[in-house]
N, C-alpha and C. Protein backbone atom coordinates (compact mmCIF):
# COMPACT_ATOMS: atom_id res chain seq x y z
N UNK A 1 -6.35 -3.34 44.19
CA UNK A 1 -4.76 -3.31 43.77
C UNK A 1 -4.73 -2.58 42.13
N UNK A 2 -4.15 -1.65 42.29
CA UNK A 2 -4.04 -1.25 40.78
C UNK A 2 -2.81 -1.45 40.10
N UNK A 3 -2.64 -1.64 38.80
CA UNK A 3 -1.68 -1.81 38.03
C UNK A 3 -1.14 -0.80 37.04
N UNK A 4 -0.04 -0.11 37.20
CA UNK A 4 0.19 0.87 36.45
C UNK A 4 1.22 0.69 35.42
N UNK A 5 1.19 0.97 34.21
CA UNK A 5 2.04 1.10 33.02
C UNK A 5 3.43 1.75 33.56
N UNK A 6 4.63 1.24 33.36
CA UNK A 6 5.71 1.70 33.73
C UNK A 6 6.17 2.98 32.62
N UNK A 7 6.53 4.02 33.06
CA UNK A 7 6.79 5.19 32.40
C UNK A 7 7.67 4.69 31.63
N UNK A 8 8.63 4.15 31.87
CA UNK A 8 10.02 3.90 30.74
C UNK A 8 9.35 2.84 29.39
N UNK A 9 8.26 2.09 29.84
CA UNK A 9 7.55 1.34 28.96
C UNK A 9 6.75 2.39 27.69
N UNK A 10 6.07 3.02 28.52
CA UNK A 10 5.27 4.25 27.75
C UNK A 10 6.08 5.05 26.67
N UNK A 11 7.45 5.40 27.33
CA UNK A 11 8.02 6.07 26.80
C UNK A 11 8.89 5.57 25.35
N UNK A 12 9.00 4.44 25.38
CA UNK A 12 9.64 3.63 24.51
C UNK A 12 8.42 3.30 23.42
N UNK A 13 7.17 2.96 23.98
CA UNK A 13 6.58 2.53 22.89
C UNK A 13 6.19 3.98 22.27
N UNK A 14 5.86 5.18 22.86
CA UNK A 14 5.51 6.45 22.20
C UNK A 14 6.80 6.65 21.30
N UNK A 15 8.06 6.51 21.49
CA UNK A 15 9.00 6.89 20.44
C UNK A 15 9.22 5.89 19.42
N UNK A 16 8.68 4.74 19.71
CA UNK A 16 8.69 3.72 18.80
C UNK A 16 7.84 4.13 17.47
N UNK A 17 6.41 4.92 17.95
CA UNK A 17 5.50 5.18 16.91
C UNK A 17 5.58 6.76 16.57
N UNK A 18 6.42 7.52 17.12
CA UNK A 18 6.66 9.00 16.76
C UNK A 18 7.45 8.94 15.39
N UNK A 19 7.02 9.97 14.57
CA UNK A 19 7.51 10.19 13.03
C UNK A 19 8.93 11.09 13.44
N UNK A 20 9.92 10.78 12.93
CA UNK A 20 11.05 11.53 12.69
C UNK A 20 11.03 12.26 11.44
N UNK A 21 12.06 13.23 11.59
CA UNK A 21 12.35 14.13 10.28
C UNK A 21 12.68 13.07 8.95
N UNK A 22 13.41 12.20 9.26
CA UNK A 22 13.85 10.95 8.22
C UNK A 22 12.89 10.17 8.05
N UNK A 23 11.69 9.96 8.89
CA UNK A 23 10.77 9.30 8.68
C UNK A 23 9.72 10.11 7.26
N UNK A 24 9.78 11.33 7.88
CA UNK A 24 8.77 11.91 6.89
C UNK A 24 9.43 12.08 5.43
N UNK A 25 10.87 12.51 5.30
CA UNK A 25 11.46 12.68 4.07
C UNK A 25 11.41 11.38 3.22
N UNK A 26 11.70 10.26 3.89
CA UNK A 26 11.82 9.00 3.08
C UNK A 26 10.50 8.58 2.56
N UNK A 27 9.56 8.55 3.59
CA UNK A 27 8.03 8.35 3.28
C UNK A 27 7.75 9.53 2.09
N UNK A 28 8.04 10.65 1.98
CA UNK A 28 7.82 11.49 1.02
C UNK A 28 8.46 11.12 -0.47
N UNK A 29 9.69 10.86 -0.48
CA UNK A 29 10.52 10.49 -1.29
C UNK A 29 9.84 9.08 -2.11
N UNK A 30 9.20 8.02 -1.29
CA UNK A 30 8.63 7.10 -1.69
C UNK A 30 7.35 7.04 -2.43
N UNK A 31 6.68 8.24 -1.95
CA UNK A 31 5.34 8.56 -2.16
C UNK A 31 5.16 9.20 -3.64
N UNK A 32 6.25 10.27 -3.72
CA UNK A 32 6.24 10.80 -4.94
C UNK A 32 6.86 10.01 -6.15
N UNK A 33 7.85 9.05 -5.89
CA UNK A 33 8.48 7.93 -6.78
C UNK A 33 7.38 7.17 -7.12
N UNK A 34 6.62 6.61 -6.26
CA UNK A 34 5.50 5.86 -6.50
C UNK A 34 4.50 6.40 -7.32
N UNK A 35 4.40 7.82 -7.13
CA UNK A 35 3.15 8.44 -7.98
C UNK A 35 3.56 8.45 -9.40
N UNK A 36 5.00 8.47 -9.52
CA UNK A 36 5.65 8.89 -11.21
C UNK A 36 5.17 7.27 -11.77
N UNK A 37 5.38 6.23 -10.98
CA UNK A 37 5.25 4.79 -11.47
C UNK A 37 3.54 4.82 -11.73
N UNK A 38 2.57 5.25 -10.86
CA UNK A 38 1.50 5.11 -11.14
C UNK A 38 1.24 5.78 -12.27
N UNK A 39 1.77 6.99 -12.78
CA UNK A 39 1.46 7.91 -13.86
C UNK A 39 1.78 6.82 -15.30
N UNK A 40 2.88 6.17 -15.13
CA UNK A 40 3.36 5.35 -15.89
C UNK A 40 2.24 4.12 -16.24
N UNK A 41 1.85 3.81 -15.26
CA UNK A 41 0.86 2.58 -15.37
C UNK A 41 -0.27 2.72 -15.93
N UNK A 42 -0.86 4.19 -15.43
CA UNK A 42 -2.03 4.83 -16.01
C UNK A 42 -2.15 4.63 -17.38
N UNK A 43 -1.18 4.52 -18.26
CA UNK A 43 -1.16 4.24 -19.75
C UNK A 43 -0.97 2.81 -20.04
N UNK A 44 0.27 2.41 -19.32
CA UNK A 44 0.56 0.85 -19.51
C UNK A 44 -0.33 -0.04 -19.25
N UNK A 45 -1.41 0.20 -18.57
CA UNK A 45 -2.32 -0.95 -18.11
C UNK A 45 -3.15 -1.08 -19.17
N UNK A 46 -3.44 0.21 -20.27
CA UNK A 46 -4.62 -0.07 -21.04
C UNK A 46 -4.48 -1.19 -22.02
N UNK A 47 -3.01 -1.54 -22.66
CA UNK A 47 -2.73 -2.89 -23.48
C UNK A 47 -3.29 -4.23 -22.63
N UNK A 48 -2.87 -4.33 -21.66
CA UNK A 48 -3.09 -5.50 -20.84
C UNK A 48 -4.78 -5.58 -20.74
N UNK A 49 -5.36 -4.56 -20.32
CA UNK A 49 -6.82 -4.51 -20.19
C UNK A 49 -7.65 -4.91 -21.03
N UNK A 50 -7.15 -4.63 -22.35
CA UNK A 50 -7.96 -4.56 -23.72
C UNK A 50 -7.84 -6.29 -23.91
N UNK A 51 -6.92 -6.96 -23.55
CA UNK A 51 -6.78 -8.39 -23.76
C UNK A 51 -7.53 -9.02 -22.69
N UNK A 52 -7.48 -8.70 -21.20
CA UNK A 52 -8.32 -9.37 -20.37
C UNK A 52 -9.76 -9.14 -20.11
N UNK A 53 -10.13 -8.08 -20.75
CA UNK A 53 -11.74 -8.01 -20.46
C UNK A 53 -12.48 -8.77 -21.16
N UNK A 54 -12.12 -8.97 -22.53
CA UNK A 54 -12.94 -9.89 -23.47
C UNK A 54 -12.75 -11.47 -22.98
N UNK A 55 -11.93 -11.76 -22.34
CA UNK A 55 -11.60 -12.91 -21.78
C UNK A 55 -12.46 -13.62 -20.53
N UNK A 56 -12.67 -12.75 -19.97
CA UNK A 56 -13.67 -12.58 -18.44
C UNK A 56 -13.82 -11.19 -18.09
N UNK A 57 -15.04 -10.77 -18.17
CA UNK A 57 -15.43 -9.19 -17.40
C UNK A 57 -14.85 -9.60 -15.94
N UNK A 58 -14.22 -8.47 -15.54
CA UNK A 58 -13.86 -8.35 -14.27
C UNK A 58 -12.41 -8.81 -13.99
N UNK A 59 -11.69 -9.58 -14.85
CA UNK A 59 -10.22 -10.04 -14.94
C UNK A 59 -9.15 -8.94 -14.97
N UNK A 60 -9.80 -7.77 -15.32
CA UNK A 60 -8.84 -6.62 -15.46
C UNK A 60 -8.20 -6.25 -14.14
N UNK A 61 -9.04 -6.57 -12.87
CA UNK A 61 -8.63 -6.43 -11.42
C UNK A 61 -7.12 -6.94 -11.16
N UNK A 62 -6.67 -7.82 -12.35
CA UNK A 62 -5.26 -8.60 -12.10
C UNK A 62 -4.49 -7.15 -12.20
N UNK A 63 -4.82 -6.23 -12.79
CA UNK A 63 -4.00 -5.12 -13.14
C UNK A 63 -3.94 -3.97 -12.30
N UNK A 64 -4.43 -4.24 -11.14
CA UNK A 64 -4.85 -3.16 -10.06
C UNK A 64 -3.38 -2.93 -9.20
N UNK A 65 -2.81 -4.24 -8.86
CA UNK A 65 -1.65 -4.16 -8.01
C UNK A 65 -0.70 -2.93 -8.11
N UNK A 66 -0.13 -2.43 -9.29
CA UNK A 66 0.80 -1.59 -9.40
C UNK A 66 0.23 0.05 -8.77
N UNK A 67 -1.12 0.06 -8.57
CA UNK A 67 -1.59 1.12 -8.04
C UNK A 67 -1.57 0.96 -6.47
N UNK A 68 -1.43 -0.05 -5.95
CA UNK A 68 -1.47 -0.27 -4.48
C UNK A 68 -0.18 -0.70 -3.54
N UNK A 69 0.71 -0.66 -4.36
CA UNK A 69 2.26 -0.86 -3.66
C UNK A 69 2.52 0.12 -2.90
N UNK A 70 2.45 1.59 -3.04
CA UNK A 70 2.79 2.64 -2.25
C UNK A 70 2.59 2.45 -0.86
N UNK A 71 1.58 2.20 -0.36
CA UNK A 71 1.50 2.38 1.08
C UNK A 71 2.06 1.15 1.55
N UNK A 72 1.78 -0.22 1.22
CA UNK A 72 2.43 -1.37 1.64
C UNK A 72 4.09 -0.89 1.77
N UNK A 73 4.56 -0.54 0.89
CA UNK A 73 6.24 -0.51 0.96
C UNK A 73 6.32 0.66 1.94
N UNK A 74 5.82 1.75 1.66
CA UNK A 74 6.09 2.66 2.67
C UNK A 74 5.89 2.20 4.15
N UNK A 75 4.79 1.32 4.37
CA UNK A 75 4.88 1.17 5.63
C UNK A 75 5.98 -0.12 6.39
N UNK A 76 6.01 -0.88 5.45
CA UNK A 76 7.17 -2.06 5.84
C UNK A 76 8.67 -1.42 6.02
N UNK A 77 8.94 0.02 5.28
CA UNK A 77 10.03 0.58 5.48
C UNK A 77 9.99 1.37 6.69
N UNK A 78 9.06 2.36 6.54
CA UNK A 78 8.92 3.17 7.66
C UNK A 78 8.34 2.64 9.19
N UNK A 79 7.58 1.72 9.31
CA UNK A 79 7.12 1.14 10.40
C UNK A 79 6.84 2.14 11.23
N UNK A 80 5.77 3.09 10.78
CA UNK A 80 5.09 3.80 11.79
C UNK A 80 3.53 4.12 11.60
N UNK A 81 2.73 4.48 12.66
CA UNK A 81 1.37 4.44 12.16
C UNK A 81 1.14 5.52 11.43
N UNK A 82 0.28 5.17 10.22
CA UNK A 82 0.15 6.32 9.34
C UNK A 82 1.05 6.25 7.91
N UNK A 83 1.95 5.43 7.92
CA UNK A 83 2.90 5.40 6.79
C UNK A 83 2.06 4.90 5.70
N UNK A 84 1.52 3.88 5.92
CA UNK A 84 0.71 3.36 4.45
C UNK A 84 -0.05 4.36 3.88
N UNK A 85 -1.20 5.04 5.11
CA UNK A 85 -1.86 5.94 4.41
C UNK A 85 -1.28 7.02 3.87
N UNK A 86 -0.19 7.52 4.44
CA UNK A 86 0.65 8.75 3.70
C UNK A 86 1.09 8.45 2.44
N UNK A 87 1.92 7.51 2.51
CA UNK A 87 2.67 7.12 1.13
C UNK A 87 1.77 6.87 -0.03
N UNK A 88 0.52 6.13 0.16
CA UNK A 88 -0.37 5.90 -0.89
C UNK A 88 -1.07 6.96 -1.23
N UNK A 89 -1.26 8.02 -0.36
CA UNK A 89 -2.18 9.16 -0.54
C UNK A 89 -1.33 10.23 -1.35
N UNK A 90 -0.45 10.23 -0.92
CA UNK A 90 0.92 11.25 -1.87
C UNK A 90 1.17 10.62 -3.10
N UNK A 91 1.32 9.54 -3.42
CA UNK A 91 1.38 8.82 -4.70
C UNK A 91 0.14 9.48 -5.52
N UNK A 92 -1.00 9.14 -4.93
CA UNK A 92 -2.33 9.62 -5.71
C UNK A 92 -2.38 11.07 -5.76
N UNK A 93 -1.68 11.96 -4.83
CA UNK A 93 -1.57 13.24 -5.30
C UNK A 93 -0.74 13.60 -6.26
N UNK A 94 0.14 13.15 -6.50
CA UNK A 94 1.30 13.19 -7.51
C UNK A 94 0.51 12.99 -9.05
N UNK A 95 -0.18 11.58 -8.83
CA UNK A 95 -0.93 11.33 -10.28
C UNK A 95 -2.12 12.32 -10.62
N UNK A 96 -2.65 12.89 -9.55
CA UNK A 96 -3.82 13.53 -9.70
C UNK A 96 -3.32 15.20 -10.24
N UNK A 97 -2.19 15.53 -9.49
CA UNK A 97 -1.51 16.85 -10.08
C UNK A 97 -1.16 16.86 -11.39
N UNK A 98 -0.53 15.89 -11.82
CA UNK A 98 -0.12 15.64 -13.18
C UNK A 98 -1.22 15.50 -14.29
N UNK A 99 -2.30 14.91 -13.72
CA UNK A 99 -3.50 14.63 -14.67
C UNK A 99 -3.66 13.03 -14.92
N UNK A 100 -4.68 12.57 -15.29
CA UNK A 100 -5.02 11.40 -15.63
C UNK A 100 -6.43 10.98 -16.00
N UNK A 101 -6.89 10.06 -16.64
CA UNK A 101 -8.29 9.79 -17.11
C UNK A 101 -9.33 9.96 -16.15
N UNK A 102 -8.90 9.76 -15.01
CA UNK A 102 -10.27 9.61 -13.85
C UNK A 102 -10.28 10.61 -13.07
N UNK A 103 -9.59 11.82 -13.32
CA UNK A 103 -9.76 13.29 -12.51
C UNK A 103 -9.05 13.34 -11.23
N UNK A 104 -8.78 14.35 -10.72
CA UNK A 104 -8.02 14.80 -9.56
C UNK A 104 -8.52 14.48 -8.53
N UNK A 105 -10.27 14.48 -8.15
CA UNK A 105 -10.52 14.35 -7.01
C UNK A 105 -10.64 12.83 -6.68
N UNK A 106 -11.36 12.11 -7.72
CA UNK A 106 -11.51 10.64 -7.50
C UNK A 106 -9.98 9.85 -7.32
N UNK A 107 -9.14 10.30 -8.19
CA UNK A 107 -7.92 9.70 -7.78
C UNK A 107 -7.65 9.83 -6.37
N UNK A 108 -7.52 11.20 -5.67
CA UNK A 108 -7.14 11.38 -4.32
C UNK A 108 -7.74 10.29 -3.55
N UNK A 109 -9.12 10.36 -3.61
CA UNK A 109 -10.18 9.74 -2.74
C UNK A 109 -9.74 7.76 -3.02
N UNK A 110 -9.38 7.72 -4.32
CA UNK A 110 -8.85 6.20 -4.37
C UNK A 110 -7.65 6.12 -3.79
N UNK A 111 -6.71 7.07 -3.58
CA UNK A 111 -5.66 6.64 -2.68
C UNK A 111 -5.54 6.55 -1.36
N UNK A 112 -6.67 7.54 -0.90
CA UNK A 112 -6.97 7.49 0.63
C UNK A 112 -7.65 6.24 0.88
N UNK A 113 -8.48 5.87 0.23
CA UNK A 113 -9.45 4.52 0.69
C UNK A 113 -8.17 3.25 0.46
N UNK A 114 -7.30 3.15 -0.85
CA UNK A 114 -6.31 2.13 -0.73
C UNK A 114 -5.35 2.36 0.56
N UNK A 115 -4.85 3.26 0.90
CA UNK A 115 -4.02 3.65 2.08
C UNK A 115 -4.59 2.82 3.14
N UNK A 116 -5.94 3.34 3.19
CA UNK A 116 -6.65 2.86 4.40
C UNK A 116 -6.75 1.36 4.64
N UNK A 117 -6.93 0.70 3.45
CA UNK A 117 -7.12 -0.58 3.42
C UNK A 117 -5.90 -1.42 3.82
N UNK A 118 -4.53 -1.03 3.64
CA UNK A 118 -3.50 -1.49 4.05
C UNK A 118 -3.02 -0.93 5.62
N UNK A 119 -3.55 0.19 5.77
CA UNK A 119 -3.14 0.69 7.19
C UNK A 119 -3.96 -0.15 8.13
N UNK A 120 -5.06 -0.45 8.16
CA UNK A 120 -6.09 -1.31 8.81
C UNK A 120 -5.26 -2.69 9.02
N UNK A 121 -4.67 -3.21 8.24
CA UNK A 121 -4.09 -4.52 8.73
C UNK A 121 -2.86 -4.19 9.29
N UNK A 122 -1.96 -3.51 9.03
CA UNK A 122 -0.61 -3.21 10.02
C UNK A 122 -1.45 -2.80 11.51
N UNK A 123 -2.38 -2.07 11.61
CA UNK A 123 -3.18 -1.64 13.07
C UNK A 123 -3.65 -2.83 13.60
N UNK A 124 -4.10 -3.77 12.99
CA UNK A 124 -4.77 -4.93 13.64
C UNK A 124 -3.62 -5.77 14.13
N UNK A 125 -2.45 -5.85 13.60
CA UNK A 125 -0.84 -6.36 14.21
C UNK A 125 -0.29 -5.67 15.19
N UNK A 126 -0.98 -4.47 15.35
CA UNK A 126 -0.47 -3.65 16.28
C UNK A 126 0.68 -2.90 16.03
N UNK A 127 1.20 -2.83 14.66
CA UNK A 127 2.46 -2.14 13.97
C UNK A 127 3.53 -2.91 14.71
N UNK A 128 3.56 -4.27 14.84
CA UNK A 128 4.69 -5.14 15.50
C UNK A 128 4.99 -6.10 14.34
N UNK A 129 4.30 -6.54 13.67
CA UNK A 129 4.71 -7.74 12.86
C UNK A 129 4.84 -7.23 11.15
N UNK A 130 6.00 -7.46 10.71
CA UNK A 130 6.16 -6.71 9.56
C UNK A 130 6.63 -7.82 8.31
N UNK A 131 6.52 -9.02 8.89
CA UNK A 131 6.90 -10.52 7.86
C UNK A 131 5.79 -10.35 6.49
N UNK A 132 6.44 -11.47 5.81
CA UNK A 132 5.87 -11.69 4.42
C UNK A 132 4.07 -11.88 4.38
N UNK A 133 3.78 -12.72 5.40
CA UNK A 133 2.30 -12.96 5.50
C UNK A 133 1.54 -11.60 5.73
N UNK A 134 2.14 -10.60 6.69
CA UNK A 134 1.52 -9.55 7.21
C UNK A 134 1.29 -8.56 5.81
N UNK A 135 2.52 -8.55 4.99
CA UNK A 135 2.55 -7.76 3.96
C UNK A 135 1.61 -8.19 2.91
N UNK A 136 1.53 -9.29 2.62
CA UNK A 136 0.43 -10.13 1.51
C UNK A 136 -1.29 -9.50 2.04
N UNK A 137 -1.37 -9.65 3.50
CA UNK A 137 -2.56 -9.22 3.98
C UNK A 137 -2.78 -7.78 3.54
N UNK A 138 -1.50 -6.90 3.83
CA UNK A 138 -1.78 -5.50 3.74
C UNK A 138 -2.19 -5.08 2.16
N UNK A 139 -1.45 -5.96 1.22
CA UNK A 139 -1.66 -5.80 0.00
C UNK A 139 -3.14 -6.40 -0.50
N UNK A 140 -3.54 -7.20 0.12
CA UNK A 140 -5.05 -7.54 0.00
C UNK A 140 -6.09 -6.68 0.40
N UNK A 141 -5.32 -6.14 1.79
CA UNK A 141 -6.46 -5.00 2.15
C UNK A 141 -6.74 -3.75 1.42
N UNK A 142 -5.35 -3.36 1.07
CA UNK A 142 -5.71 -2.41 0.04
C UNK A 142 -6.35 -2.82 -1.00
N UNK A 143 -6.33 -3.86 -1.84
CA UNK A 143 -7.18 -4.34 -2.98
C UNK A 143 -8.67 -4.32 -2.56
N UNK A 144 -8.79 -4.88 -1.55
CA UNK A 144 -10.20 -4.86 -1.12
C UNK A 144 -10.90 -3.97 -1.15
N UNK A 145 -10.19 -2.79 -0.14
CA UNK A 145 -10.92 -1.46 -0.21
C UNK A 145 -10.70 -0.81 -1.32
N UNK A 146 -9.90 -0.88 -2.18
CA UNK A 146 -10.14 -0.11 -3.38
C UNK A 146 -10.83 -0.74 -4.31
N UNK A 147 -11.16 -2.03 -4.31
CA UNK A 147 -12.07 -2.84 -5.26
C UNK A 147 -13.44 -2.33 -4.96
N UNK A 148 -13.57 -2.56 -3.70
CA UNK A 148 -14.99 -2.11 -3.31
C UNK A 148 -15.61 -0.67 -3.66
N UNK A 149 -14.37 0.44 -3.65
CA UNK A 149 -14.55 1.62 -3.80
C UNK A 149 -14.99 1.77 -5.66
N UNK A 150 -13.98 1.06 -6.21
CA UNK A 150 -14.07 0.93 -7.63
C UNK A 150 -15.68 0.38 -8.13
N UNK A 151 -15.86 -0.46 -7.42
CA UNK A 151 -17.28 -1.30 -7.82
C UNK A 151 -18.48 0.03 -7.57
N UNK A 152 -18.25 0.55 -6.54
CA UNK A 152 -19.27 1.74 -6.24
C UNK A 152 -19.24 2.82 -7.17
N UNK A 153 -18.02 3.34 -7.58
CA UNK A 153 -17.60 4.51 -8.38
C UNK A 153 -17.89 4.28 -9.95
N UNK A 154 -17.29 3.21 -10.35
CA UNK A 154 -17.03 2.92 -11.63
C UNK A 154 -18.00 1.76 -12.27
N UNK A 155 -18.23 0.77 -11.37
CA UNK A 155 -18.98 -0.35 -11.91
C UNK A 155 -20.35 -0.61 -11.19
N UNK A 156 -21.12 0.53 -10.76
CA UNK A 156 -22.35 0.26 -10.01
C UNK A 156 -23.27 -0.34 -11.05
N UNK A 157 -23.94 -1.06 -10.45
CA UNK A 157 -24.81 -1.82 -11.18
C UNK A 157 -24.21 -3.24 -12.02
N UNK A 158 -23.24 -3.51 -11.59
CA UNK A 158 -22.32 -4.79 -12.35
C UNK A 158 -23.09 -5.92 -11.62
N UNK A 159 -23.23 -6.88 -12.57
CA UNK A 159 -23.76 -8.32 -12.15
C UNK A 159 -23.01 -8.92 -11.11
N UNK A 160 -23.57 -9.92 -10.40
CA UNK A 160 -22.77 -10.99 -9.37
C UNK A 160 -21.52 -11.34 -9.93
N UNK A 161 -21.56 -11.97 -11.24
CA UNK A 161 -20.47 -12.57 -11.59
C UNK A 161 -19.20 -11.69 -11.70
N UNK A 162 -19.51 -10.34 -12.54
CA UNK A 162 -18.32 -9.66 -12.48
C UNK A 162 -17.92 -9.05 -11.04
N UNK A 163 -18.96 -8.90 -10.21
CA UNK A 163 -18.27 -8.21 -9.08
C UNK A 163 -17.12 -9.35 -8.14
N UNK A 164 -17.76 -10.68 -8.49
CA UNK A 164 -16.96 -11.69 -7.65
C UNK A 164 -15.53 -11.80 -8.27
N UNK A 165 -15.87 -11.81 -9.64
CA UNK A 165 -14.67 -11.91 -10.35
C UNK A 165 -13.60 -10.79 -10.33
N UNK A 166 -14.15 -9.40 -10.27
CA UNK A 166 -13.30 -8.32 -9.95
C UNK A 166 -12.36 -8.40 -8.63
N UNK A 167 -13.34 -8.71 -7.71
CA UNK A 167 -12.87 -8.63 -6.40
C UNK A 167 -11.61 -9.73 -5.98
N UNK A 168 -11.98 -10.89 -6.70
CA UNK A 168 -10.69 -11.93 -6.71
C UNK A 168 -9.69 -11.85 -7.09
N UNK A 169 -9.73 -10.95 -8.61
CA UNK A 169 -8.63 -10.65 -9.36
C UNK A 169 -7.85 -9.47 -8.84
N UNK A 170 -8.61 -8.58 -8.16
CA UNK A 170 -7.76 -7.37 -7.51
C UNK A 170 -7.27 -7.54 -6.42
N UNK A 171 -7.72 -8.67 -5.57
CA UNK A 171 -7.44 -9.01 -4.22
C UNK A 171 -6.05 -9.72 -4.63
N UNK A 172 -6.10 -10.63 -5.63
CA UNK A 172 -4.81 -11.70 -5.95
C UNK A 172 -3.72 -10.74 -6.48
N UNK A 173 -4.16 -9.74 -7.08
CA UNK A 173 -3.12 -8.46 -7.61
C UNK A 173 -2.37 -7.86 -6.39
N UNK A 174 -3.46 -7.65 -5.49
CA UNK A 174 -3.10 -6.61 -4.36
C UNK A 174 -2.07 -7.29 -3.53
N UNK A 175 -2.32 -9.13 -3.48
CA UNK A 175 -1.60 -9.51 -2.12
C UNK A 175 -0.14 -10.09 -3.17
N UNK A 176 0.01 -10.11 -4.06
CA UNK A 176 1.23 -10.24 -5.08
C UNK A 176 2.00 -9.46 -5.25
N UNK A 177 1.36 -8.49 -6.15
CA UNK A 177 2.04 -7.34 -6.38
C UNK A 177 2.66 -6.06 -5.09
N UNK A 178 1.18 -5.83 -4.58
CA UNK A 178 1.40 -4.87 -3.55
C UNK A 178 2.11 -5.41 -2.18
N UNK A 179 1.72 -6.70 -1.87
CA UNK A 179 2.20 -7.15 -0.73
C UNK A 179 3.28 -8.22 -0.76
N UNK A 180 3.37 -9.03 -1.60
CA UNK A 180 4.87 -9.93 -1.59
C UNK A 180 6.02 -9.11 -2.54
N UNK A 181 5.75 -8.46 -3.56
CA UNK A 181 6.81 -7.77 -4.00
C UNK A 181 7.51 -6.59 -3.45
N UNK A 182 6.48 -5.99 -2.53
CA UNK A 182 6.93 -4.85 -1.65
C UNK A 182 7.41 -5.38 -0.67
N UNK A 183 7.18 -6.38 -0.33
CA UNK A 183 8.24 -7.20 1.09
C UNK A 183 9.46 -7.47 0.39
N UNK A 184 9.58 -8.06 -0.91
CA UNK A 184 10.78 -8.35 -1.56
C UNK A 184 11.67 -7.07 -1.57
N UNK A 185 11.26 -6.11 -2.23
CA UNK A 185 11.71 -4.88 -2.55
C UNK A 185 12.39 -4.25 -1.06
N UNK A 186 11.47 -4.16 0.01
CA UNK A 186 11.88 -3.54 1.13
C UNK A 186 13.24 -4.25 1.77
N UNK A 187 13.17 -5.55 1.68
CA UNK A 187 14.47 -6.61 2.08
C UNK A 187 15.59 -6.19 1.17
N UNK A 188 15.19 -6.00 -0.22
CA UNK A 188 16.41 -5.73 -1.25
C UNK A 188 17.09 -4.26 -0.73
N UNK A 189 16.25 -3.42 -0.48
CA UNK A 189 16.81 -2.05 0.02
C UNK A 189 17.62 -2.00 1.39
N UNK A 190 17.03 -2.82 2.33
CA UNK A 190 17.43 -3.03 3.75
C UNK A 190 19.17 -3.93 3.31
N UNK A 191 19.22 -4.87 2.67
CA UNK A 191 20.41 -5.43 2.55
C UNK A 191 21.62 -4.72 1.92
N UNK A 192 20.98 -3.42 1.22
CA UNK A 192 22.30 -2.62 0.60
C UNK A 192 22.82 -1.37 1.76
N UNK A 193 22.10 -1.59 2.73
CA UNK A 193 22.36 -0.54 3.72
C UNK A 193 21.71 0.75 3.64
N UNK A 194 20.77 0.84 2.60
CA UNK A 194 20.00 2.40 2.49
C UNK A 194 19.17 2.56 3.50
N UNK A 195 18.89 1.46 4.31
CA UNK A 195 17.55 1.82 5.04
C UNK A 195 18.35 1.54 6.58
N UNK A 196 19.60 1.79 6.84
CA UNK A 196 20.19 1.41 8.10
C UNK A 196 19.49 2.65 9.33
N UNK A 197 19.22 3.25 8.86
CA UNK A 197 18.46 4.40 10.12
C UNK A 197 16.75 4.06 10.39
N UNK A 198 16.78 2.89 9.81
CA UNK A 198 15.24 2.72 10.20
C UNK A 198 15.38 1.07 10.81
N UNK A 199 14.32 0.51 11.60
CA UNK A 199 14.35 -0.71 12.10
C UNK A 199 14.38 -1.76 11.29
N UNK A 200 13.76 -1.41 9.94
CA UNK A 200 13.73 -2.40 8.79
C UNK A 200 14.84 -2.64 8.18
N UNK A 201 15.81 -1.75 8.11
CA UNK A 201 17.18 -1.87 7.59
C UNK A 201 18.15 -2.45 8.57
N UNK A 202 18.23 -2.07 9.75
CA UNK A 202 18.78 -2.78 10.83
C UNK A 202 18.65 -4.12 11.28
N UNK A 203 17.27 -4.35 11.27
CA UNK A 203 16.74 -6.00 11.46
C UNK A 203 17.37 -6.73 10.35
N UNK A 204 17.46 -6.35 9.26
CA UNK A 204 17.74 -7.30 7.95
C UNK A 204 19.23 -7.73 8.15
N UNK A 205 19.86 -6.42 8.39
CA UNK A 205 21.44 -6.50 8.34
C UNK A 205 21.80 -7.37 9.43
N UNK A 206 21.26 -7.23 10.71
CA UNK A 206 21.65 -8.22 11.76
C UNK A 206 21.28 -9.61 11.40
N UNK A 207 20.33 -9.74 10.77
CA UNK A 207 20.07 -11.14 10.36
C UNK A 207 21.19 -11.82 9.43
N UNK A 208 21.56 -10.90 8.35
CA UNK A 208 22.67 -11.52 7.59
C UNK A 208 23.68 -11.70 8.07
């Protein structure tokens, strides 16, 4: 006996995952805005870094969160496959085009890797769960992918202590700043009615 999937179910799933024009526009706005925040943090993080590094090498990973939030926030709002990867990468493109101390190509590569780290977490949950624990995991995923990438490119040859401290620090930063704070921000935007054209906005306002 064969079991076939209902055509209506297929259409519903496809429609839920299909990007609309408004999705592209809002994701693009989020990516560009996040890129501008990246630019500010490219300079702003230097002061805290100079304080953390002498305390314990690797502790500067606590400062990585502000570079990781774009993908998580974009996915929480858009709720479509690829949203995390798109918004994080676009933010990196903005940072690369304006210019920074890491160079354009490596900035773009970092954005792709970090966005992929968040995207994988949402994929694991089949793009169906958008709660706080999943957001925290997505932030941690972006940090893990980004942290390993940084260790390979910027901290090659680092000892075990530095590697462990840095990975723990960046994952904590990603979970809290990119994960939890992005979830709070998405809920705050939804409560204002600004996201009523998205499931994330309608869901929040129905609960209220």
